[in-house]
N, C-alpha and C. Protein backbone atom coordinates (compact mmCIF):
# COMPACT_ATOMS: atom_id res chain seq x y z
N MET A 1 -23.95 -147.49 -84.98
CA MET A 1 -22.99 -146.75 -84.16
C MET A 1 -22.15 -147.72 -83.35
N ILE A 2 -20.85 -147.52 -83.33
CA ILE A 2 -19.97 -148.35 -82.53
C ILE A 2 -19.79 -147.69 -81.18
N LEU A 3 -20.09 -148.41 -80.14
CA LEU A 3 -19.99 -147.87 -78.81
C LEU A 3 -18.55 -147.86 -78.35
N GLY A 4 -18.19 -146.81 -77.60
CA GLY A 4 -16.88 -146.76 -76.98
C GLY A 4 -16.85 -147.72 -75.82
N PRO A 5 -15.65 -148.04 -75.30
CA PRO A 5 -15.54 -149.07 -74.27
C PRO A 5 -16.27 -148.76 -72.99
N ARG A 6 -16.46 -147.48 -72.65
CA ARG A 6 -17.06 -147.15 -71.37
C ARG A 6 -18.58 -147.27 -71.40
N LEU A 7 -19.20 -147.07 -72.59
CA LEU A 7 -20.66 -147.00 -72.63
C LEU A 7 -21.33 -148.30 -72.24
N PRO A 8 -20.98 -149.47 -72.81
CA PRO A 8 -21.62 -150.71 -72.37
C PRO A 8 -21.33 -151.00 -70.91
N VAL A 9 -20.12 -150.65 -70.45
CA VAL A 9 -19.76 -150.89 -69.06
C VAL A 9 -20.67 -150.10 -68.14
N ILE A 10 -20.85 -148.81 -68.42
CA ILE A 10 -21.69 -147.97 -67.58
C ILE A 10 -23.12 -148.48 -67.58
N ALA A 11 -23.62 -148.91 -68.76
CA ALA A 11 -24.98 -149.43 -68.83
C ALA A 11 -25.13 -150.69 -67.99
N LEU A 12 -24.15 -151.58 -68.07
CA LEU A 12 -24.21 -152.81 -67.28
C LEU A 12 -24.20 -152.52 -65.79
N LEU A 13 -23.33 -151.61 -65.38
CA LEU A 13 -23.25 -151.29 -63.96
C LEU A 13 -24.53 -150.63 -63.48
N ALA A 14 -25.09 -149.75 -64.32
CA ALA A 14 -26.32 -149.08 -63.93
C ALA A 14 -27.45 -150.08 -63.77
N SER A 15 -27.50 -151.09 -64.67
CA SER A 15 -28.56 -152.09 -64.58
C SER A 15 -28.44 -152.92 -63.31
N ALA A 16 -27.21 -153.00 -62.78
CA ALA A 16 -26.99 -153.75 -61.54
C ALA A 16 -27.08 -152.85 -60.32
N GLY A 17 -27.40 -151.57 -60.56
CA GLY A 17 -27.51 -150.64 -59.45
C GLY A 17 -26.17 -150.23 -58.89
N LEU A 18 -25.13 -150.27 -59.73
CA LEU A 18 -23.78 -149.95 -59.28
C LEU A 18 -23.27 -148.70 -59.97
N THR A 19 -22.29 -148.07 -59.37
CA THR A 19 -21.70 -146.86 -59.90
C THR A 19 -20.33 -147.15 -60.48
N PHE A 20 -20.03 -146.54 -61.62
CA PHE A 20 -18.72 -146.75 -62.24
C PHE A 20 -17.65 -146.12 -61.37
N THR A 21 -16.78 -146.92 -60.81
CA THR A 21 -15.70 -146.43 -59.96
C THR A 21 -14.53 -147.40 -60.02
N PRO A 22 -13.30 -146.90 -60.07
CA PRO A 22 -12.15 -147.79 -60.13
C PRO A 22 -12.06 -148.74 -58.95
N ALA A 23 -12.72 -148.41 -57.86
CA ALA A 23 -12.64 -149.26 -56.67
C ALA A 23 -13.72 -150.34 -56.63
N LEU A 24 -14.58 -150.36 -57.64
CA LEU A 24 -15.74 -151.25 -57.61
C LEU A 24 -15.38 -152.70 -57.38
N ALA A 25 -14.43 -153.20 -58.16
CA ALA A 25 -14.14 -154.63 -58.12
C ALA A 25 -12.79 -154.95 -57.48
N GLN A 26 -12.32 -154.06 -56.63
CA GLN A 26 -11.08 -154.33 -55.92
C GLN A 26 -11.40 -155.25 -54.75
N SER A 27 -11.73 -156.46 -55.06
CA SER A 27 -12.23 -157.40 -54.06
C SER A 27 -11.88 -158.81 -54.48
N GLU A 28 -11.79 -159.71 -53.51
CA GLU A 28 -11.55 -161.11 -53.83
C GLU A 28 -12.86 -161.88 -53.98
N ASP A 29 -13.98 -161.20 -53.88
CA ASP A 29 -15.27 -161.87 -53.92
C ASP A 29 -15.72 -162.08 -55.36
N GLY A 30 -15.18 -163.13 -56.00
CA GLY A 30 -15.52 -163.39 -57.40
C GLY A 30 -16.99 -163.69 -57.60
N THR A 31 -17.63 -164.33 -56.64
CA THR A 31 -19.06 -164.64 -56.76
C THR A 31 -19.87 -163.36 -56.88
N ARG A 32 -19.58 -162.39 -56.02
CA ARG A 32 -20.32 -161.12 -56.06
C ARG A 32 -20.10 -160.40 -57.37
N ILE A 33 -18.86 -160.32 -57.82
CA ILE A 33 -18.55 -159.63 -59.07
C ILE A 33 -19.24 -160.33 -60.25
N ALA A 34 -19.17 -161.66 -60.26
CA ALA A 34 -19.79 -162.42 -61.35
C ALA A 34 -21.29 -162.19 -61.40
N MET A 35 -21.94 -162.20 -60.25
CA MET A 35 -23.39 -162.04 -60.22
C MET A 35 -23.81 -160.62 -60.55
N GLN A 36 -23.08 -159.63 -60.05
CA GLN A 36 -23.50 -158.24 -60.22
C GLN A 36 -23.07 -157.65 -61.55
N ILE A 37 -21.98 -158.12 -62.13
CA ILE A 37 -21.46 -157.51 -63.35
C ILE A 37 -21.46 -158.49 -64.53
N CYS A 38 -20.76 -159.62 -64.35
CA CYS A 38 -20.54 -160.52 -65.49
C CYS A 38 -21.82 -161.17 -66.01
N SER A 39 -22.76 -161.44 -65.10
CA SER A 39 -23.97 -162.15 -65.51
C SER A 39 -24.81 -161.37 -66.50
N GLY A 40 -24.63 -160.04 -66.56
CA GLY A 40 -25.39 -159.23 -67.50
C GLY A 40 -25.19 -159.66 -68.95
N CYS A 41 -23.98 -160.14 -69.26
CA CYS A 41 -23.69 -160.61 -70.61
C CYS A 41 -23.48 -162.12 -70.67
N HIS A 42 -22.78 -162.65 -69.67
CA HIS A 42 -22.36 -164.05 -69.72
C HIS A 42 -23.33 -165.01 -69.04
N GLY A 43 -24.40 -164.48 -68.46
CA GLY A 43 -25.39 -165.34 -67.83
C GLY A 43 -25.01 -165.76 -66.42
N VAL A 44 -25.98 -166.25 -65.69
CA VAL A 44 -25.75 -166.70 -64.32
C VAL A 44 -24.79 -167.88 -64.33
N GLY A 45 -23.76 -167.80 -63.53
CA GLY A 45 -22.77 -168.87 -63.47
C GLY A 45 -21.94 -169.00 -64.72
N GLY A 46 -21.97 -167.98 -65.59
CA GLY A 46 -21.20 -168.03 -66.83
C GLY A 46 -21.86 -168.81 -67.94
N ARG A 47 -23.13 -169.19 -67.75
CA ARG A 47 -23.86 -169.96 -68.76
C ARG A 47 -24.57 -169.00 -69.72
N SER A 48 -23.81 -168.49 -70.65
CA SER A 48 -24.31 -167.49 -71.58
C SER A 48 -25.40 -168.04 -72.50
N GLU A 49 -26.45 -167.26 -72.68
CA GLU A 49 -27.52 -167.63 -73.60
C GLU A 49 -27.37 -166.92 -74.94
N SER A 50 -26.51 -165.94 -75.00
CA SER A 50 -26.31 -165.18 -76.22
C SER A 50 -25.05 -165.65 -76.94
N PRO A 51 -25.13 -165.97 -78.23
CA PRO A 51 -23.96 -166.42 -78.97
C PRO A 51 -22.90 -165.33 -79.13
N MET A 52 -23.25 -164.09 -78.78
CA MET A 52 -22.29 -162.99 -78.85
C MET A 52 -21.27 -163.07 -77.72
N PHE A 53 -21.70 -163.66 -76.59
CA PHE A 53 -20.86 -163.71 -75.40
C PHE A 53 -20.52 -165.16 -75.07
N PRO A 54 -19.25 -165.45 -74.78
CA PRO A 54 -18.85 -166.84 -74.57
C PRO A 54 -19.36 -167.44 -73.26
N GLN A 55 -19.52 -168.75 -73.27
CA GLN A 55 -19.74 -169.50 -72.05
C GLN A 55 -18.47 -169.41 -71.20
N LEU A 56 -18.62 -169.15 -69.92
CA LEU A 56 -17.47 -169.09 -69.02
C LEU A 56 -17.48 -170.21 -67.99
N ASN A 57 -18.62 -170.90 -67.86
CA ASN A 57 -18.70 -171.97 -66.86
C ASN A 57 -17.78 -173.12 -67.22
N ALA A 58 -17.07 -173.61 -66.22
CA ALA A 58 -16.11 -174.72 -66.35
C ALA A 58 -14.89 -174.37 -67.18
N GLN A 59 -14.71 -173.08 -67.47
CA GLN A 59 -13.52 -172.66 -68.21
C GLN A 59 -12.29 -172.81 -67.32
N THR A 60 -11.12 -173.00 -67.92
CA THR A 60 -9.92 -173.16 -67.11
C THR A 60 -9.58 -171.84 -66.43
N PRO A 61 -9.18 -171.88 -65.15
CA PRO A 61 -8.89 -170.63 -64.44
C PRO A 61 -7.71 -169.88 -65.05
N GLU A 62 -6.73 -170.63 -65.57
CA GLU A 62 -5.55 -169.98 -66.16
C GLU A 62 -5.95 -169.16 -67.38
N TYR A 63 -6.87 -169.70 -68.18
CA TYR A 63 -7.30 -168.97 -69.37
C TYR A 63 -8.08 -167.71 -68.99
N ILE A 64 -9.02 -167.84 -68.07
CA ILE A 64 -9.81 -166.67 -67.67
C ILE A 64 -8.90 -165.59 -67.11
N GLU A 65 -7.97 -165.97 -66.26
CA GLU A 65 -7.06 -165.00 -65.67
C GLU A 65 -6.22 -164.32 -66.75
N ALA A 66 -5.71 -165.09 -67.69
CA ALA A 66 -4.88 -164.52 -68.75
C ALA A 66 -5.68 -163.56 -69.63
N GLN A 67 -6.93 -163.92 -69.94
CA GLN A 67 -7.74 -163.06 -70.80
C GLN A 67 -8.16 -161.78 -70.09
N LEU A 68 -8.53 -161.86 -68.82
CA LEU A 68 -8.90 -160.65 -68.08
C LEU A 68 -7.72 -159.69 -68.00
N LYS A 69 -6.54 -160.23 -67.77
CA LYS A 69 -5.35 -159.37 -67.75
C LYS A 69 -5.05 -158.84 -69.14
N GLY A 70 -5.32 -159.64 -70.16
CA GLY A 70 -5.14 -159.18 -71.53
C GLY A 70 -6.08 -158.04 -71.88
N PHE A 71 -7.33 -158.14 -71.43
CA PHE A 71 -8.29 -157.05 -71.64
C PHE A 71 -7.82 -155.80 -70.89
N ARG A 72 -7.38 -156.00 -69.66
CA ARG A 72 -6.96 -154.87 -68.82
C ARG A 72 -5.77 -154.15 -69.43
N GLU A 73 -4.88 -154.91 -70.05
CA GLU A 73 -3.66 -154.34 -70.65
C GLU A 73 -3.84 -154.01 -72.13
N HIS A 74 -5.06 -154.19 -72.66
CA HIS A 74 -5.40 -153.91 -74.05
C HIS A 74 -4.61 -154.78 -75.02
N ALA A 75 -4.27 -155.99 -74.58
CA ALA A 75 -3.57 -156.93 -75.46
C ALA A 75 -4.52 -157.59 -76.44
N ARG A 76 -5.81 -157.56 -76.14
CA ARG A 76 -6.84 -158.03 -77.07
C ARG A 76 -7.54 -156.81 -77.64
N GLY A 77 -7.51 -156.68 -78.97
CA GLY A 77 -7.98 -155.44 -79.57
C GLY A 77 -9.19 -155.56 -80.47
N GLU A 78 -9.82 -156.74 -80.52
CA GLU A 78 -11.01 -156.86 -81.37
C GLU A 78 -12.13 -155.96 -80.83
N ASN A 79 -13.08 -155.61 -81.70
CA ASN A 79 -14.11 -154.63 -81.33
C ASN A 79 -14.87 -155.01 -80.07
N THR A 80 -15.26 -156.27 -79.95
CA THR A 80 -16.03 -156.66 -78.77
C THR A 80 -15.21 -156.56 -77.50
N ALA A 81 -13.90 -156.80 -77.61
CA ALA A 81 -13.03 -156.64 -76.44
C ALA A 81 -12.99 -155.18 -76.02
N ARG A 82 -12.81 -154.29 -76.96
CA ARG A 82 -12.75 -152.87 -76.65
C ARG A 82 -14.08 -152.36 -76.10
N ASP A 83 -15.16 -152.78 -76.74
CA ASP A 83 -16.47 -152.23 -76.38
C ASP A 83 -16.99 -152.75 -75.04
N TYR A 84 -16.69 -153.99 -74.72
CA TYR A 84 -17.29 -154.59 -73.53
C TYR A 84 -16.30 -154.91 -72.41
N MET A 85 -15.09 -155.33 -72.75
CA MET A 85 -14.23 -155.87 -71.71
C MET A 85 -13.11 -154.95 -71.24
N TRP A 86 -12.68 -154.01 -72.04
CA TRP A 86 -11.60 -153.13 -71.59
C TRP A 86 -12.02 -152.36 -70.34
N GLY A 87 -13.21 -151.80 -70.39
CA GLY A 87 -13.67 -151.00 -69.25
C GLY A 87 -13.91 -151.83 -68.01
N ILE A 88 -14.51 -153.01 -68.18
CA ILE A 88 -14.74 -153.90 -67.03
C ILE A 88 -13.42 -154.33 -66.43
N ALA A 89 -12.49 -154.79 -67.27
CA ALA A 89 -11.22 -155.31 -66.76
C ALA A 89 -10.41 -154.24 -66.06
N ALA A 90 -10.59 -152.98 -66.47
CA ALA A 90 -9.86 -151.89 -65.82
C ALA A 90 -10.23 -151.75 -64.35
N LEU A 91 -11.39 -152.29 -63.98
CA LEU A 91 -11.86 -152.20 -62.59
C LEU A 91 -11.32 -153.32 -61.72
N LEU A 92 -10.66 -154.29 -62.31
CA LEU A 92 -10.29 -155.50 -61.58
C LEU A 92 -8.82 -155.50 -61.19
N ASP A 93 -8.55 -155.64 -59.90
CA ASP A 93 -7.16 -155.84 -59.49
C ASP A 93 -6.83 -157.33 -59.62
N ASP A 94 -5.59 -157.70 -59.34
CA ASP A 94 -5.17 -159.09 -59.53
C ASP A 94 -5.95 -160.06 -58.65
N ALA A 95 -6.30 -159.63 -57.44
CA ALA A 95 -7.05 -160.51 -56.54
C ALA A 95 -8.44 -160.77 -57.10
N ALA A 96 -9.07 -159.74 -57.67
CA ALA A 96 -10.40 -159.90 -58.26
C ALA A 96 -10.34 -160.80 -59.48
N VAL A 97 -9.32 -160.62 -60.30
CA VAL A 97 -9.14 -161.46 -61.49
C VAL A 97 -9.01 -162.93 -61.09
N GLN A 98 -8.18 -163.20 -60.12
CA GLN A 98 -7.97 -164.57 -59.67
C GLN A 98 -9.23 -165.15 -59.07
N SER A 99 -9.97 -164.34 -58.32
CA SER A 99 -11.20 -164.82 -57.70
C SER A 99 -12.26 -165.14 -58.74
N LEU A 100 -12.37 -164.31 -59.77
CA LEU A 100 -13.31 -164.58 -60.85
C LEU A 100 -12.94 -165.85 -61.60
N ALA A 101 -11.65 -166.01 -61.87
CA ALA A 101 -11.18 -167.21 -62.57
C ALA A 101 -11.52 -168.46 -61.76
N ASP A 102 -11.34 -168.40 -60.47
CA ASP A 102 -11.65 -169.54 -59.60
C ASP A 102 -13.15 -169.81 -59.60
N TYR A 103 -13.95 -168.74 -59.53
CA TYR A 103 -15.41 -168.90 -59.49
C TYR A 103 -15.92 -169.58 -60.75
N PHE A 104 -15.57 -169.05 -61.91
CA PHE A 104 -16.09 -169.61 -63.16
C PHE A 104 -15.57 -171.02 -63.42
N SER A 105 -14.34 -171.29 -63.04
CA SER A 105 -13.78 -172.62 -63.29
C SER A 105 -14.49 -173.70 -62.49
N HIS A 106 -15.14 -173.32 -61.40
CA HIS A 106 -15.84 -174.29 -60.57
C HIS A 106 -17.33 -174.40 -60.88
N GLN A 107 -17.81 -173.67 -61.88
CA GLN A 107 -19.21 -173.78 -62.27
C GLN A 107 -19.38 -175.03 -63.15
N PRO A 108 -20.49 -175.76 -62.97
CA PRO A 108 -20.66 -177.00 -63.75
C PRO A 108 -20.77 -176.73 -65.24
N ALA A 109 -20.19 -177.63 -66.01
CA ALA A 109 -20.25 -177.52 -67.47
C ALA A 109 -21.65 -177.84 -67.97
N THR A 110 -22.00 -177.27 -69.09
CA THR A 110 -23.28 -177.58 -69.73
C THR A 110 -23.00 -178.05 -71.16
N ARG A 111 -23.78 -179.01 -71.59
CA ARG A 111 -23.61 -179.54 -72.94
C ARG A 111 -24.26 -178.59 -73.95
N GLY A 112 -23.57 -178.38 -75.06
CA GLY A 112 -24.08 -177.49 -76.08
C GLY A 112 -25.14 -178.15 -76.95
N ALA A 113 -25.58 -177.41 -77.95
CA ALA A 113 -26.63 -177.89 -78.85
C ALA A 113 -26.03 -178.64 -80.03
N SER A 114 -26.70 -179.69 -80.44
CA SER A 114 -26.22 -180.47 -81.58
C SER A 114 -26.54 -179.75 -82.88
N GLY A 115 -25.79 -180.11 -83.92
CA GLY A 115 -26.00 -179.49 -85.23
C GLY A 115 -26.01 -180.53 -86.33
N ASP A 116 -25.76 -180.10 -87.55
CA ASP A 116 -25.75 -180.98 -88.72
C ASP A 116 -24.80 -182.16 -88.48
N ALA A 117 -25.30 -183.37 -88.66
CA ALA A 117 -24.53 -184.58 -88.33
C ALA A 117 -23.27 -184.71 -89.19
N ALA A 118 -23.39 -184.41 -90.47
CA ALA A 118 -22.24 -184.56 -91.36
C ALA A 118 -21.14 -183.55 -91.01
N LEU A 119 -21.54 -182.31 -90.77
CA LEU A 119 -20.57 -181.29 -90.41
C LEU A 119 -19.95 -181.58 -89.04
N THR A 120 -20.77 -182.09 -88.12
CA THR A 120 -20.26 -182.44 -86.80
C THR A 120 -19.17 -183.51 -86.91
N ALA A 121 -19.43 -184.52 -87.73
CA ALA A 121 -18.45 -185.59 -87.92
C ALA A 121 -17.18 -185.06 -88.56
N ARG A 122 -17.33 -184.17 -89.52
CA ARG A 122 -16.14 -183.60 -90.17
C ARG A 122 -15.36 -182.74 -89.18
N GLY A 123 -16.09 -181.98 -88.36
CA GLY A 123 -15.44 -181.14 -87.36
C GLY A 123 -14.70 -181.97 -86.33
N GLN A 124 -15.29 -183.09 -85.93
CA GLN A 124 -14.63 -183.98 -84.97
C GLN A 124 -13.31 -184.50 -85.54
N LYS A 125 -13.32 -184.86 -86.81
CA LYS A 125 -12.12 -185.38 -87.45
C LYS A 125 -11.02 -184.33 -87.46
N ILE A 126 -11.39 -183.09 -87.78
CA ILE A 126 -10.39 -182.01 -87.79
C ILE A 126 -9.88 -181.75 -86.37
N PHE A 127 -10.81 -181.75 -85.40
CA PHE A 127 -10.42 -181.50 -84.02
C PHE A 127 -9.45 -182.56 -83.52
N GLU A 128 -9.72 -183.79 -83.85
CA GLU A 128 -8.91 -184.91 -83.33
C GLU A 128 -7.65 -185.18 -84.15
N ARG A 129 -7.68 -184.88 -85.45
CA ARG A 129 -6.54 -185.24 -86.32
C ARG A 129 -5.89 -184.05 -87.01
N GLY A 130 -6.55 -182.90 -86.99
CA GLY A 130 -6.03 -181.75 -87.72
C GLY A 130 -6.26 -181.87 -89.20
N VAL A 131 -5.52 -181.07 -89.96
CA VAL A 131 -5.57 -181.15 -91.43
C VAL A 131 -4.12 -181.30 -91.87
N PRO A 132 -3.62 -182.55 -91.88
CA PRO A 132 -2.19 -182.79 -92.10
C PRO A 132 -1.64 -182.20 -93.39
N ASP A 133 -2.43 -182.26 -94.49
CA ASP A 133 -1.89 -181.77 -95.76
C ASP A 133 -1.76 -180.25 -95.79
N LYS A 134 -2.36 -179.57 -94.81
CA LYS A 134 -2.22 -178.12 -94.72
C LYS A 134 -1.37 -177.70 -93.52
N GLY A 135 -0.86 -178.68 -92.81
CA GLY A 135 -0.02 -178.37 -91.66
C GLY A 135 -0.77 -177.90 -90.43
N VAL A 136 -2.09 -178.17 -90.40
CA VAL A 136 -2.91 -177.78 -89.24
C VAL A 136 -2.86 -178.90 -88.21
N PRO A 137 -2.38 -178.62 -87.00
CA PRO A 137 -2.31 -179.66 -85.97
C PRO A 137 -3.69 -179.99 -85.43
N ALA A 138 -3.81 -181.13 -84.79
CA ALA A 138 -5.07 -181.49 -84.14
C ALA A 138 -5.38 -180.49 -83.03
N CYS A 139 -6.60 -179.98 -83.00
CA CYS A 139 -7.01 -179.03 -81.96
C CYS A 139 -6.87 -179.66 -80.57
N ALA A 140 -7.09 -180.98 -80.52
CA ALA A 140 -7.04 -181.69 -79.24
C ALA A 140 -5.65 -181.64 -78.61
N THR A 141 -4.62 -181.41 -79.42
CA THR A 141 -3.26 -181.36 -78.90
C THR A 141 -3.13 -180.29 -77.83
N CYS A 142 -3.76 -179.16 -78.04
CA CYS A 142 -3.69 -178.06 -77.07
C CYS A 142 -4.93 -177.98 -76.18
N HIS A 143 -6.10 -178.24 -76.75
CA HIS A 143 -7.36 -177.99 -76.04
C HIS A 143 -7.90 -179.20 -75.29
N GLY A 144 -7.19 -180.33 -75.36
CA GLY A 144 -7.61 -181.53 -74.64
C GLY A 144 -8.45 -182.45 -75.50
N ALA A 145 -8.38 -183.73 -75.20
CA ALA A 145 -9.07 -184.75 -76.00
C ALA A 145 -10.57 -184.53 -76.06
N GLN A 146 -11.15 -183.99 -74.99
CA GLN A 146 -12.58 -183.72 -74.95
C GLN A 146 -12.88 -182.22 -75.05
N ALA A 147 -11.90 -181.47 -75.53
CA ALA A 147 -12.02 -180.01 -75.66
C ALA A 147 -12.28 -179.35 -74.31
N GLN A 148 -11.76 -179.99 -73.26
CA GLN A 148 -11.99 -179.50 -71.90
C GLN A 148 -11.03 -178.39 -71.49
N GLY A 149 -10.05 -178.12 -72.34
CA GLY A 149 -9.08 -177.08 -72.03
C GLY A 149 -7.93 -177.62 -71.20
N ALA A 150 -6.82 -176.88 -71.21
CA ALA A 150 -5.65 -177.28 -70.44
C ALA A 150 -4.82 -176.03 -70.16
N GLY A 151 -4.82 -175.59 -68.90
CA GLY A 151 -4.06 -174.39 -68.55
C GLY A 151 -4.56 -173.17 -69.31
N THR A 152 -3.65 -172.48 -69.99
CA THR A 152 -4.03 -171.27 -70.71
C THR A 152 -4.71 -171.57 -72.05
N PHE A 153 -4.78 -172.86 -72.42
CA PHE A 153 -5.54 -173.23 -73.62
C PHE A 153 -7.00 -173.44 -73.19
N PRO A 154 -7.93 -172.69 -73.76
CA PRO A 154 -9.30 -172.67 -73.21
C PRO A 154 -10.12 -173.92 -73.48
N ARG A 155 -11.08 -174.12 -72.60
CA ARG A 155 -12.14 -175.10 -72.84
C ARG A 155 -12.97 -174.60 -74.01
N LEU A 156 -13.22 -175.48 -74.97
CA LEU A 156 -14.04 -175.13 -76.13
C LEU A 156 -15.33 -175.94 -76.17
N ALA A 157 -15.41 -177.00 -75.40
CA ALA A 157 -16.60 -177.86 -75.39
C ALA A 157 -17.83 -177.06 -74.96
N GLY A 158 -18.89 -177.18 -75.77
CA GLY A 158 -20.15 -176.52 -75.44
C GLY A 158 -20.21 -175.04 -75.77
N GLN A 159 -19.14 -174.51 -76.34
CA GLN A 159 -19.11 -173.08 -76.65
C GLN A 159 -20.02 -172.75 -77.84
N HIS A 160 -20.59 -171.56 -77.85
CA HIS A 160 -21.44 -171.13 -78.97
C HIS A 160 -20.64 -171.18 -80.28
N LYS A 161 -21.21 -171.79 -81.30
CA LYS A 161 -20.50 -171.88 -82.58
C LYS A 161 -20.29 -170.49 -83.18
N GLU A 162 -21.26 -169.60 -83.00
CA GLU A 162 -21.11 -168.25 -83.55
C GLU A 162 -19.94 -167.52 -82.90
N TYR A 163 -19.78 -167.72 -81.60
CA TYR A 163 -18.66 -167.08 -80.90
C TYR A 163 -17.34 -167.66 -81.40
N LEU A 164 -17.28 -168.98 -81.55
CA LEU A 164 -16.06 -169.61 -82.03
C LEU A 164 -15.69 -169.13 -83.42
N LEU A 165 -16.67 -169.03 -84.30
CA LEU A 165 -16.40 -168.56 -85.66
C LEU A 165 -15.94 -167.11 -85.66
N HIS A 166 -16.51 -166.31 -84.77
CA HIS A 166 -16.07 -164.91 -84.67
C HIS A 166 -14.61 -164.84 -84.21
N GLN A 167 -14.25 -165.69 -83.25
CA GLN A 167 -12.87 -165.68 -82.78
C GLN A 167 -11.90 -166.13 -83.87
N ILE A 168 -12.29 -167.11 -84.66
CA ILE A 168 -11.44 -167.52 -85.78
C ILE A 168 -11.24 -166.34 -86.73
N GLU A 169 -12.31 -165.58 -86.95
CA GLU A 169 -12.22 -164.43 -87.85
C GLU A 169 -11.29 -163.34 -87.31
N VAL A 170 -11.38 -163.04 -86.00
CA VAL A 170 -10.51 -161.99 -85.47
C VAL A 170 -9.05 -162.45 -85.35
N PHE A 171 -8.85 -163.76 -85.18
CA PHE A 171 -7.48 -164.27 -85.28
C PHE A 171 -6.98 -164.09 -86.71
N LYS A 172 -7.85 -164.34 -87.66
CA LYS A 172 -7.46 -164.28 -89.07
C LYS A 172 -7.15 -162.84 -89.50
N ASN A 173 -7.99 -161.89 -89.06
CA ASN A 173 -7.77 -160.51 -89.50
C ASN A 173 -6.76 -159.75 -88.65
N GLY A 174 -6.26 -160.41 -87.60
CA GLY A 174 -5.18 -159.81 -86.82
C GLY A 174 -5.60 -158.91 -85.69
N THR A 175 -6.91 -158.68 -85.50
CA THR A 175 -7.32 -157.80 -84.41
C THR A 175 -7.22 -158.49 -83.05
N ARG A 176 -7.19 -159.82 -83.04
CA ARG A 176 -6.85 -160.56 -81.83
C ARG A 176 -5.52 -161.24 -82.09
N GLY A 177 -4.46 -160.65 -81.58
CA GLY A 177 -3.15 -161.15 -81.91
C GLY A 177 -2.38 -161.74 -80.75
N ASN A 178 -3.10 -162.15 -79.69
CA ASN A 178 -2.40 -162.62 -78.49
C ASN A 178 -2.22 -164.13 -78.45
N ALA A 179 -2.43 -164.79 -79.59
CA ALA A 179 -2.24 -166.25 -79.64
C ALA A 179 -1.73 -166.62 -81.04
N PRO A 180 -0.42 -166.55 -81.26
CA PRO A 180 0.15 -166.77 -82.60
C PRO A 180 -0.21 -168.11 -83.21
N VAL A 181 -0.30 -169.16 -82.40
CA VAL A 181 -0.66 -170.47 -82.94
C VAL A 181 -2.04 -170.43 -83.57
N MET A 182 -2.99 -169.79 -82.87
CA MET A 182 -4.36 -169.72 -83.40
C MET A 182 -4.44 -168.83 -84.63
N SER A 183 -3.63 -167.80 -84.69
CA SER A 183 -3.61 -166.94 -85.88
C SER A 183 -3.20 -167.76 -87.10
N ALA A 184 -2.21 -168.62 -86.93
CA ALA A 184 -1.75 -169.46 -88.04
C ALA A 184 -2.82 -170.46 -88.45
N VAL A 185 -3.47 -171.08 -87.46
CA VAL A 185 -4.53 -172.05 -87.75
C VAL A 185 -5.69 -171.37 -88.47
N ALA A 186 -6.09 -170.18 -87.98
CA ALA A 186 -7.22 -169.47 -88.56
C ALA A 186 -6.97 -169.11 -90.02
N HIS A 187 -5.73 -168.79 -90.37
CA HIS A 187 -5.41 -168.46 -91.75
C HIS A 187 -5.42 -169.68 -92.66
N THR A 188 -5.27 -170.86 -92.06
CA THR A 188 -5.18 -172.08 -92.86
C THR A 188 -6.53 -172.74 -93.09
N LEU A 189 -7.40 -172.71 -92.10
CA LEU A 189 -8.72 -173.33 -92.24
C LEU A 189 -9.58 -172.55 -93.23
N ASN A 190 -10.27 -173.26 -94.10
CA ASN A 190 -11.23 -172.56 -94.94
C ASN A 190 -12.55 -172.41 -94.19
N ASP A 191 -13.49 -171.69 -94.78
CA ASP A 191 -14.73 -171.37 -94.07
C ASP A 191 -15.52 -172.62 -93.68
N GLU A 192 -15.56 -173.59 -94.59
CA GLU A 192 -16.33 -174.81 -94.31
C GLU A 192 -15.68 -175.62 -93.18
N GLN A 193 -14.37 -175.69 -93.18
CA GLN A 193 -13.67 -176.41 -92.12
C GLN A 193 -13.88 -175.74 -90.76
N ALA A 194 -13.78 -174.41 -90.74
CA ALA A 194 -13.99 -173.67 -89.50
C ALA A 194 -15.40 -173.88 -88.97
N LYS A 195 -16.38 -173.85 -89.86
CA LYS A 195 -17.77 -174.05 -89.46
C LYS A 195 -17.97 -175.46 -88.90
N ALA A 196 -17.35 -176.44 -89.53
CA ALA A 196 -17.50 -177.82 -89.08
C ALA A 196 -16.93 -177.99 -87.66
N VAL A 197 -15.76 -177.44 -87.42
CA VAL A 197 -15.15 -177.55 -86.09
C VAL A 197 -16.02 -176.84 -85.05
N ALA A 198 -16.52 -175.66 -85.40
CA ALA A 198 -17.35 -174.89 -84.46
C ALA A 198 -18.63 -175.65 -84.11
N ILE A 199 -19.26 -176.28 -85.11
CA ILE A 199 -20.49 -177.05 -84.86
C ILE A 199 -20.19 -178.25 -83.98
N TYR A 200 -19.07 -178.92 -84.24
CA TYR A 200 -18.68 -180.06 -83.41
C TYR A 200 -18.46 -179.64 -81.97
N LEU A 201 -17.73 -178.57 -81.76
CA LEU A 201 -17.41 -178.12 -80.41
C LEU A 201 -18.68 -177.69 -79.66
N GLN A 202 -19.59 -177.02 -80.36
CA GLN A 202 -20.83 -176.61 -79.69
C GLN A 202 -21.63 -177.81 -79.22
N SER A 203 -21.49 -178.96 -79.91
CA SER A 203 -22.29 -180.13 -79.59
C SER A 203 -21.76 -180.89 -78.37
N LYS A 204 -20.56 -180.59 -77.92
CA LYS A 204 -19.94 -181.37 -76.84
C LYS A 204 -20.43 -180.94 -75.45
């Protein structure tokens, strides 16, 4: 069964002892919101333990702010966005969005898990140099030399490989259409190349 956007939200709020109300997160207290709501999926301090939910710790504030507003405005349409984030984001005013972005961006980064050495090396090469014969630019051009992110281009270092691969897939199938550059890249990378990059990024 596919859950509607309100059902996971209501369950999360209930587990935190909170009531679903449009006024819930009309606050600048990003720490409170993160602990009471976001941690249910993304972990304490944004250090997610589930590959279904992205790491948010040390993420760029510009990216978090842009994505929360994208969820709120339904600009991101993939299933997980609809099921989990549309309802949450609807509760957040601009001050709350900015406060959450500031909170998560100041959480310490954590190093991801290492994977297959050969694939990691191949992924590093693609990240740093791209795939010139296919017109794929180096990922580092936008995401930073250490995958640390830059402005609205997200930090990818230490991110769950499963989450990264899922995002490549939704860029490819068009359900996440708010980043045209990534849609083009996703259509060009083959499955093995995408896996290699994801394994490399998780290891950083």
